[in-house]
Amino acid sequence: MDFYSENKKWILILTLVIVVIIFIAFLKNTFYKTNNEIKKEIPIVSSITSGHMYKGGLHNYTGSIMLPTPCYILSVDAMVKETFPEDVSIRFTITEDKKNELCAQVVTEKKFRIIFQASKEAKVSATVNNIQVPLNIEKETIDE
């Protein structure tokens, strides 16, 4: 009877170890997939190049961003903090269009235009999906 009890104990321990290993592998695989999906959804945009026009208290920023496929949606808004000079954050949001099952793997230009009211001295910065990126002005026109 001792031999049978001893074998049963080792079989139980071995089964428990195998179940724990499978559980850890499952959790690791789930976490890995989640990280890859997040990276897939957020294309890397290292900077924003834009034209800027200021006239009559209005700032007008126009330009385009290159995205890896046409299946991404670009939205832009401006948050103006009421300080002087104003701190303005132009916020670009890039999301994957979940409606498109199939998507051509072609780099696509997405145009943007944002107009907001602020003083001429306003300090303007840009974020992409809440990550600060440099805002490069290639052409600037200021009319008083």
N, C-alpha and C. Protein backbone atom coordinates (compact mmCIF):
# COMPACT_ATOMS: atom_id res chain seq x y z
N MET A 1 0.81 -1.19 0.00
CA MET A 1 0.00 0.00 0.00
C MET A 1 0.86 1.26 0.00
N ASP A 2 2.02 1.21 0.63
CA ASP A 2 2.91 2.37 0.64
C ASP A 2 3.43 2.70 -0.76
N PHE A 3 3.74 1.68 -1.53
CA PHE A 3 4.24 1.90 -2.88
C PHE A 3 3.17 2.60 -3.73
N TYR A 4 1.94 2.16 -3.61
CA TYR A 4 0.83 2.76 -4.37
C TYR A 4 0.59 4.21 -3.95
N SER A 5 0.63 4.51 -2.68
CA SER A 5 0.43 5.86 -2.16
C SER A 5 1.56 6.79 -2.61
N GLU A 6 2.77 6.26 -2.59
CA GLU A 6 3.94 7.06 -3.01
C GLU A 6 3.85 7.42 -4.49
N ASN A 7 3.48 6.45 -5.33
CA ASN A 7 3.32 6.71 -6.77
C ASN A 7 2.20 7.70 -7.02
N LYS A 8 1.12 7.57 -6.33
CA LYS A 8 -0.02 8.47 -6.49
C LYS A 8 0.37 9.90 -6.14
N LYS A 9 1.18 10.04 -5.09
CA LYS A 9 1.64 11.37 -4.68
C LYS A 9 2.51 12.00 -5.77
N TRP A 10 3.43 11.24 -6.37
CA TRP A 10 4.31 11.78 -7.42
C TRP A 10 3.54 12.10 -8.70
N ILE A 11 2.56 11.28 -9.02
CA ILE A 11 1.73 11.54 -10.20
C ILE A 11 0.94 12.83 -10.00
N LEU A 12 0.41 13.03 -8.82
CA LEU A 12 -0.33 14.25 -8.51
C LEU A 12 0.58 15.49 -8.59
N ILE A 13 1.78 15.41 -8.05
CA ILE A 13 2.73 16.53 -8.11
C ILE A 13 3.12 16.82 -9.56
N LEU A 14 3.41 15.79 -10.33
CA LEU A 14 3.80 15.96 -11.74
C LEU A 14 2.64 16.59 -12.54
N THR A 15 1.43 16.13 -12.30
CA THR A 15 0.26 16.70 -12.98
C THR A 15 0.08 18.17 -12.63
N LEU A 16 0.25 18.51 -11.37
CA LEU A 16 0.14 19.88 -10.93
C LEU A 16 1.20 20.77 -11.58
N VAL A 17 2.43 20.29 -11.68
CA VAL A 17 3.51 21.05 -12.32
C VAL A 17 3.19 21.27 -13.80
N ILE A 18 2.69 20.26 -14.47
CA ILE A 18 2.35 20.39 -15.90
C ILE A 18 1.23 21.41 -16.08
N VAL A 19 0.21 21.37 -15.24
CA VAL A 19 -0.90 22.32 -15.33
C VAL A 19 -0.40 23.75 -15.11
N VAL A 20 0.49 23.95 -14.14
CA VAL A 20 1.04 25.28 -13.88
C VAL A 20 1.85 25.76 -15.08
N ILE A 21 2.65 24.91 -15.68
CA ILE A 21 3.45 25.29 -16.85
C ILE A 21 2.54 25.68 -18.02
N ILE A 22 1.49 24.91 -18.26
CA ILE A 22 0.55 25.23 -19.35
C ILE A 22 -0.14 26.56 -19.07
N PHE A 23 -0.54 26.81 -17.83
CA PHE A 23 -1.20 28.06 -17.46
C PHE A 23 -0.27 29.25 -17.68
N ILE A 24 0.98 29.14 -17.27
CA ILE A 24 1.95 30.23 -17.47
C ILE A 24 2.18 30.48 -18.95
N ALA A 25 2.31 29.42 -19.74
CA ALA A 25 2.51 29.57 -21.19
C ALA A 25 1.31 30.26 -21.82
N PHE A 26 0.10 29.92 -21.38
CA PHE A 26 -1.11 30.55 -21.90
C PHE A 26 -1.13 32.04 -21.58
N LEU A 27 -0.81 32.40 -20.33
CA LEU A 27 -0.79 33.81 -19.94
C LEU A 27 0.27 34.58 -20.72
N LYS A 28 1.43 33.99 -20.89
CA LYS A 28 2.50 34.66 -21.62
C LYS A 28 2.10 34.89 -23.07
N ASN A 29 1.49 33.90 -23.69
CA ASN A 29 1.05 34.02 -25.08
C ASN A 29 -0.04 35.08 -25.22
N THR A 30 -0.97 35.14 -24.29
CA THR A 30 -2.02 36.15 -24.32
C THR A 30 -1.42 37.54 -24.19
N PHE A 31 -0.49 37.74 -23.27
CA PHE A 31 0.16 39.03 -23.09
C PHE A 31 0.94 39.43 -24.33
N TYR A 32 1.65 38.48 -24.93
CA TYR A 32 2.43 38.76 -26.13
C TYR A 32 1.53 39.22 -27.26
N LYS A 33 0.41 38.56 -27.47
CA LYS A 33 -0.51 38.95 -28.54
C LYS A 33 -1.07 40.34 -28.28
N THR A 34 -1.39 40.65 -27.04
CA THR A 34 -1.93 41.96 -26.71
C THR A 34 -0.93 43.05 -27.05
N ASN A 35 0.34 42.88 -26.71
CA ASN A 35 1.36 43.88 -27.04
C ASN A 35 1.50 44.05 -28.54
N ASN A 36 1.48 42.97 -29.30
CA ASN A 36 1.61 43.08 -30.76
C ASN A 36 0.41 43.79 -31.36
N GLU A 37 -0.80 43.52 -30.85
CA GLU A 37 -1.98 44.19 -31.37
C GLU A 37 -1.92 45.69 -31.09
N ILE A 38 -1.43 46.08 -29.92
CA ILE A 38 -1.30 47.50 -29.60
C ILE A 38 -0.30 48.15 -30.55
N LYS A 39 0.84 47.51 -30.78
CA LYS A 39 1.83 48.08 -31.69
C LYS A 39 1.27 48.19 -33.10
N LYS A 40 0.45 47.20 -33.52
CA LYS A 40 -0.14 47.22 -34.85
C LYS A 40 -1.10 48.40 -35.01
N GLU A 41 -1.85 48.72 -33.96
CA GLU A 41 -2.86 49.76 -34.04
C GLU A 41 -2.29 51.17 -34.03
N ILE A 42 -1.08 51.36 -33.56
CA ILE A 42 -0.53 52.70 -33.43
C ILE A 42 0.68 52.84 -34.35
N PRO A 43 0.48 53.35 -35.56
CA PRO A 43 1.63 53.55 -36.45
C PRO A 43 2.60 54.58 -35.86
N ILE A 44 3.84 54.37 -36.13
CA ILE A 44 4.87 55.28 -35.61
C ILE A 44 4.95 56.51 -36.50
N VAL A 45 4.68 57.67 -35.90
CA VAL A 45 4.84 58.96 -36.57
C VAL A 45 5.84 59.72 -35.73
N SER A 46 7.02 59.96 -36.28
CA SER A 46 8.09 60.57 -35.49
C SER A 46 8.03 62.09 -35.46
N SER A 47 7.36 62.70 -36.43
CA SER A 47 7.20 64.16 -36.43
C SER A 47 6.05 64.53 -37.36
N ILE A 48 5.57 65.76 -37.20
CA ILE A 48 4.49 66.29 -38.03
C ILE A 48 5.05 67.49 -38.78
N THR A 49 4.88 67.49 -40.10
CA THR A 49 5.27 68.64 -40.92
C THR A 49 4.00 69.32 -41.39
N SER A 50 3.98 70.63 -41.21
CA SER A 50 2.75 71.37 -41.48
C SER A 50 3.06 72.75 -42.02
N GLY A 51 2.10 73.28 -42.74
CA GLY A 51 2.13 74.70 -43.08
C GLY A 51 1.35 75.44 -42.01
N HIS A 52 1.68 76.71 -41.80
CA HIS A 52 0.99 77.50 -40.78
C HIS A 52 0.67 78.86 -41.34
N MET A 53 -0.60 79.26 -41.14
CA MET A 53 -1.02 80.60 -41.54
C MET A 53 -1.73 81.23 -40.35
N TYR A 54 -1.34 82.47 -40.06
CA TYR A 54 -1.99 83.22 -38.98
C TYR A 54 -2.59 84.48 -39.56
N LYS A 55 -3.91 84.66 -39.32
CA LYS A 55 -4.57 85.86 -39.83
C LYS A 55 -5.79 86.13 -38.97
N GLY A 56 -5.90 87.37 -38.49
CA GLY A 56 -7.07 87.80 -37.74
C GLY A 56 -7.34 87.00 -36.48
N GLY A 57 -6.31 86.57 -35.79
CA GLY A 57 -6.49 85.82 -34.56
C GLY A 57 -6.71 84.33 -34.75
N LEU A 58 -6.69 83.86 -36.00
CA LEU A 58 -6.89 82.44 -36.28
C LEU A 58 -5.61 81.79 -36.78
N HIS A 59 -5.29 80.66 -36.22
CA HIS A 59 -4.17 79.83 -36.68
C HIS A 59 -4.75 78.74 -37.57
N ASN A 60 -4.12 78.51 -38.71
CA ASN A 60 -4.56 77.50 -39.65
C ASN A 60 -3.36 76.59 -39.95
N TYR A 61 -3.42 75.35 -39.49
CA TYR A 61 -2.35 74.38 -39.74
C TYR A 61 -2.86 73.35 -40.73
N THR A 62 -2.10 73.12 -41.82
CA THR A 62 -2.46 72.12 -42.82
C THR A 62 -1.24 71.28 -43.16
N GLY A 63 -1.49 70.04 -43.51
CA GLY A 63 -0.40 69.15 -43.90
C GLY A 63 -0.92 67.75 -44.13
N SER A 64 -0.01 66.80 -44.06
CA SER A 64 -0.40 65.40 -44.23
C SER A 64 0.54 64.51 -43.43
N ILE A 65 0.04 63.34 -43.13
CA ILE A 65 0.79 62.33 -42.39
C ILE A 65 0.77 61.05 -43.22
N MET A 66 1.89 60.38 -43.30
CA MET A 66 1.98 59.12 -44.02
C MET A 66 1.66 57.98 -43.04
N LEU A 67 0.69 57.15 -43.42
CA LEU A 67 0.29 56.00 -42.62
C LEU A 67 0.55 54.72 -43.41
N PRO A 68 0.78 53.60 -42.72
CA PRO A 68 1.18 52.38 -43.42
C PRO A 68 0.13 51.77 -44.33
N THR A 69 -1.15 52.03 -44.08
CA THR A 69 -2.22 51.50 -44.94
C THR A 69 -3.36 52.52 -44.97
N PRO A 70 -4.27 52.37 -45.94
CA PRO A 70 -5.43 53.26 -45.96
C PRO A 70 -6.46 52.91 -44.88
N CYS A 71 -6.21 51.87 -44.11
CA CYS A 71 -7.18 51.41 -43.10
C CYS A 71 -6.99 52.08 -41.74
N TYR A 72 -6.35 53.23 -41.72
CA TYR A 72 -6.22 53.99 -40.49
C TYR A 72 -7.01 55.28 -40.63
N ILE A 73 -7.61 55.70 -39.52
CA ILE A 73 -8.39 56.93 -39.49
C ILE A 73 -7.58 57.98 -38.73
N LEU A 74 -7.47 59.17 -39.31
CA LEU A 74 -6.76 60.27 -38.68
C LEU A 74 -7.77 61.32 -38.26
N SER A 75 -7.71 61.71 -36.99
CA SER A 75 -8.52 62.82 -36.53
C SER A 75 -7.60 63.81 -35.82
N VAL A 76 -7.99 65.07 -35.82
CA VAL A 76 -7.14 66.11 -35.23
C VAL A 76 -8.03 67.13 -34.53
N ASP A 77 -7.57 67.58 -33.38
CA ASP A 77 -8.24 68.66 -32.67
C ASP A 77 -7.19 69.50 -31.96
N ALA A 78 -7.61 70.64 -31.47
CA ALA A 78 -6.68 71.53 -30.77
C ALA A 78 -7.22 71.83 -29.38
N MET A 79 -6.32 71.78 -28.41
CA MET A 79 -6.68 72.13 -27.04
C MET A 79 -5.91 73.41 -26.69
N VAL A 80 -6.64 74.49 -26.46
CA VAL A 80 -6.03 75.78 -26.16
C VAL A 80 -6.17 76.04 -24.66
N LYS A 81 -5.04 76.16 -23.97
CA LYS A 81 -5.05 76.48 -22.55
C LYS A 81 -5.11 77.99 -22.39
N GLU A 82 -5.95 78.45 -21.49
CA GLU A 82 -6.16 79.88 -21.31
C GLU A 82 -5.06 80.49 -20.45
N THR A 83 -3.91 80.63 -21.03
CA THR A 83 -2.78 81.33 -20.42
C THR A 83 -2.34 82.39 -21.43
N PHE A 84 -1.39 83.20 -21.06
CA PHE A 84 -0.84 84.11 -22.06
C PHE A 84 0.67 84.06 -22.02
N PRO A 85 1.33 83.79 -23.12
CA PRO A 85 0.71 83.34 -24.36
C PRO A 85 0.09 81.94 -24.17
N GLU A 86 -0.90 81.65 -24.98
CA GLU A 86 -1.61 80.38 -24.86
C GLU A 86 -0.68 79.20 -25.17
N ASP A 87 -0.91 78.11 -24.45
CA ASP A 87 -0.28 76.82 -24.78
C ASP A 87 -1.31 76.04 -25.57
N VAL A 88 -0.96 75.71 -26.80
CA VAL A 88 -1.90 74.99 -27.66
C VAL A 88 -1.30 73.63 -27.99
N SER A 89 -2.09 72.60 -27.80
CA SER A 89 -1.68 71.25 -28.17
C SER A 89 -2.55 70.78 -29.33
N ILE A 90 -1.90 70.53 -30.47
CA ILE A 90 -2.62 69.95 -31.61
C ILE A 90 -2.52 68.44 -31.41
N ARG A 91 -3.68 67.82 -31.23
CA ARG A 91 -3.72 66.40 -30.89
C ARG A 91 -4.18 65.58 -32.09
N PHE A 92 -3.27 64.76 -32.59
CA PHE A 92 -3.57 63.85 -33.69
C PHE A 92 -3.89 62.48 -33.09
N THR A 93 -4.97 61.89 -33.56
CA THR A 93 -5.34 60.56 -33.09
C THR A 93 -5.43 59.64 -34.31
N ILE A 94 -4.67 58.54 -34.24
CA ILE A 94 -4.66 57.57 -35.32
C ILE A 94 -5.26 56.28 -34.78
N THR A 95 -6.31 55.81 -35.44
CA THR A 95 -6.95 54.56 -35.03
C THR A 95 -7.13 53.66 -36.24
N GLU A 96 -7.21 52.37 -35.98
CA GLU A 96 -7.42 51.42 -37.06
C GLU A 96 -8.91 51.33 -37.36
N ASP A 97 -9.25 51.34 -38.63
CA ASP A 97 -10.65 51.22 -39.06
C ASP A 97 -11.02 49.74 -38.96
N LYS A 98 -11.78 49.40 -37.94
CA LYS A 98 -12.13 47.99 -37.68
C LYS A 98 -13.13 47.45 -38.71
N LYS A 99 -13.78 48.33 -39.48
CA LYS A 99 -14.77 47.88 -40.46
C LYS A 99 -14.12 47.17 -41.64
N ASN A 100 -12.90 47.55 -41.97
CA ASN A 100 -12.22 46.97 -43.13
C ASN A 100 -11.55 45.66 -42.75
N GLU A 101 -12.06 44.57 -43.27
CA GLU A 101 -11.46 43.26 -43.01
C GLU A 101 -10.17 43.11 -43.82
N LEU A 102 -10.22 43.52 -45.08
CA LEU A 102 -9.05 43.42 -45.95
C LEU A 102 -8.53 44.83 -46.21
N CYS A 103 -7.22 44.95 -46.22
CA CYS A 103 -6.64 46.26 -46.41
C CYS A 103 -5.37 46.15 -47.24
N ALA A 104 -5.27 46.97 -48.27
CA ALA A 104 -4.07 46.98 -49.10
C ALA A 104 -2.90 47.51 -48.29
N GLN A 105 -1.78 46.85 -48.40
CA GLN A 105 -0.58 47.27 -47.67
C GLN A 105 0.17 48.32 -48.48
N VAL A 106 -0.43 49.51 -48.55
CA VAL A 106 0.12 50.60 -49.33
C VAL A 106 0.23 51.82 -48.42
N VAL A 107 1.40 52.43 -48.38
CA VAL A 107 1.58 53.65 -47.59
C VAL A 107 0.62 54.71 -48.13
N THR A 108 -0.12 55.33 -47.22
CA THR A 108 -1.19 56.25 -47.61
C THR A 108 -1.01 57.60 -46.94
N GLU A 109 -1.20 58.65 -47.72
CA GLU A 109 -1.12 60.00 -47.20
C GLU A 109 -2.49 60.43 -46.69
N LYS A 110 -2.54 60.85 -45.42
CA LYS A 110 -3.78 61.37 -44.83
C LYS A 110 -3.59 62.86 -44.58
N LYS A 111 -4.44 63.68 -45.18
CA LYS A 111 -4.33 65.13 -45.03
C LYS A 111 -5.07 65.59 -43.78
N PHE A 112 -4.61 66.71 -43.23
CA PHE A 112 -5.28 67.29 -42.08
C PHE A 112 -5.33 68.81 -42.21
N ARG A 113 -6.29 69.38 -41.50
CA ARG A 113 -6.40 70.83 -41.39
C ARG A 113 -7.06 71.13 -40.05
N ILE A 114 -6.45 72.02 -39.30
CA ILE A 114 -7.00 72.42 -38.00
C ILE A 114 -6.91 73.93 -37.90
N ILE A 115 -8.01 74.56 -37.49
CA ILE A 115 -8.07 76.01 -37.32
C ILE A 115 -8.51 76.27 -35.88
N PHE A 116 -7.80 77.16 -35.21
CA PHE A 116 -8.17 77.53 -33.84
C PHE A 116 -7.82 78.98 -33.59
N GLN A 117 -8.46 79.55 -32.59
CA GLN A 117 -8.23 80.95 -32.24
C GLN A 117 -7.26 81.03 -31.08
N ALA A 118 -6.23 81.85 -31.26
CA ALA A 118 -5.23 82.10 -30.21
C ALA A 118 -4.41 83.32 -30.63
N SER A 119 -3.67 83.86 -29.71
CA SER A 119 -2.84 85.02 -30.03
C SER A 119 -1.69 84.61 -30.95
N LYS A 120 -1.08 85.61 -31.56
CA LYS A 120 0.05 85.36 -32.46
C LYS A 120 1.21 84.72 -31.71
N GLU A 121 1.35 85.01 -30.42
CA GLU A 121 2.47 84.51 -29.61
C GLU A 121 2.24 83.11 -29.05
N ALA A 122 1.13 82.49 -29.36
CA ALA A 122 0.79 81.17 -28.80
C ALA A 122 1.92 80.17 -29.03
N LYS A 123 2.13 79.32 -28.01
CA LYS A 123 3.11 78.23 -28.11
C LYS A 123 2.37 76.96 -28.52
N VAL A 124 2.74 76.43 -29.69
CA VAL A 124 2.01 75.31 -30.26
C VAL A 124 2.89 74.06 -30.26
N SER A 125 2.31 72.95 -29.80
CA SER A 125 3.00 71.66 -29.81
C SER A 125 2.06 70.62 -30.40
N ALA A 126 2.58 69.42 -30.65
CA ALA A 126 1.77 68.36 -31.26
C ALA A 126 1.96 67.04 -30.52
N THR A 127 0.88 66.26 -30.49
CA THR A 127 0.94 64.89 -29.97
C THR A 127 0.28 63.96 -30.97
N VAL A 128 0.78 62.74 -31.01
CA VAL A 128 0.15 61.67 -31.79
C VAL A 128 -0.20 60.57 -30.82
N ASN A 129 -1.48 60.28 -30.68
CA ASN A 129 -1.97 59.29 -29.71
C ASN A 129 -1.37 59.54 -28.33
N ASN A 130 -1.41 60.81 -27.92
CA ASN A 130 -0.94 61.27 -26.60
C ASN A 130 0.57 61.17 -26.40
N ILE A 131 1.33 61.02 -27.47
CA ILE A 131 2.79 61.00 -27.39
C ILE A 131 3.31 62.26 -28.07
N GLN A 132 4.12 63.03 -27.35
CA GLN A 132 4.66 64.29 -27.88
C GLN A 132 5.56 64.02 -29.08
N VAL A 133 5.34 64.77 -30.17
CA VAL A 133 6.18 64.68 -31.37
C VAL A 133 6.54 66.08 -31.82
N PRO A 134 7.68 66.24 -32.50
CA PRO A 134 8.06 67.57 -33.00
C PRO A 134 7.07 68.05 -34.08
N LEU A 135 6.77 69.34 -34.04
CA LEU A 135 5.93 69.98 -35.05
C LEU A 135 6.83 70.86 -35.90
N ASN A 136 7.05 70.45 -37.14
CA ASN A 136 7.92 71.17 -38.07
C ASN A 136 7.07 72.02 -39.00
N ILE A 137 7.34 73.33 -39.01
CA ILE A 137 6.60 74.24 -39.89
C ILE A 137 7.44 74.45 -41.13
N GLU A 138 6.91 74.02 -42.28
CA GLU A 138 7.67 74.17 -43.53
C GLU A 138 7.38 75.48 -44.23
N LYS A 139 6.19 76.04 -44.05
CA LYS A 139 5.86 77.32 -44.66
C LYS A 139 4.97 78.07 -43.70
N GLU A 140 5.34 79.32 -43.38
CA GLU A 140 4.58 80.09 -42.42
C GLU A 140 4.22 81.44 -43.02
N THR A 141 2.95 81.81 -42.88
CA THR A 141 2.46 83.09 -43.35
C THR A 141 1.76 83.77 -42.18
N ILE A 142 2.21 84.97 -41.85
CA ILE A 142 1.59 85.72 -40.75
C ILE A 142 1.13 87.07 -41.29
N ASP A 143 -0.20 87.24 -41.24
CA ASP A 143 -0.80 88.52 -41.63
C ASP A 143 -1.43 89.12 -40.39
N GLU A 144 -1.14 90.38 -40.14
CA GLU A 144 -1.69 91.05 -38.94
C GLU A 144 -3.12 91.42 -39.13
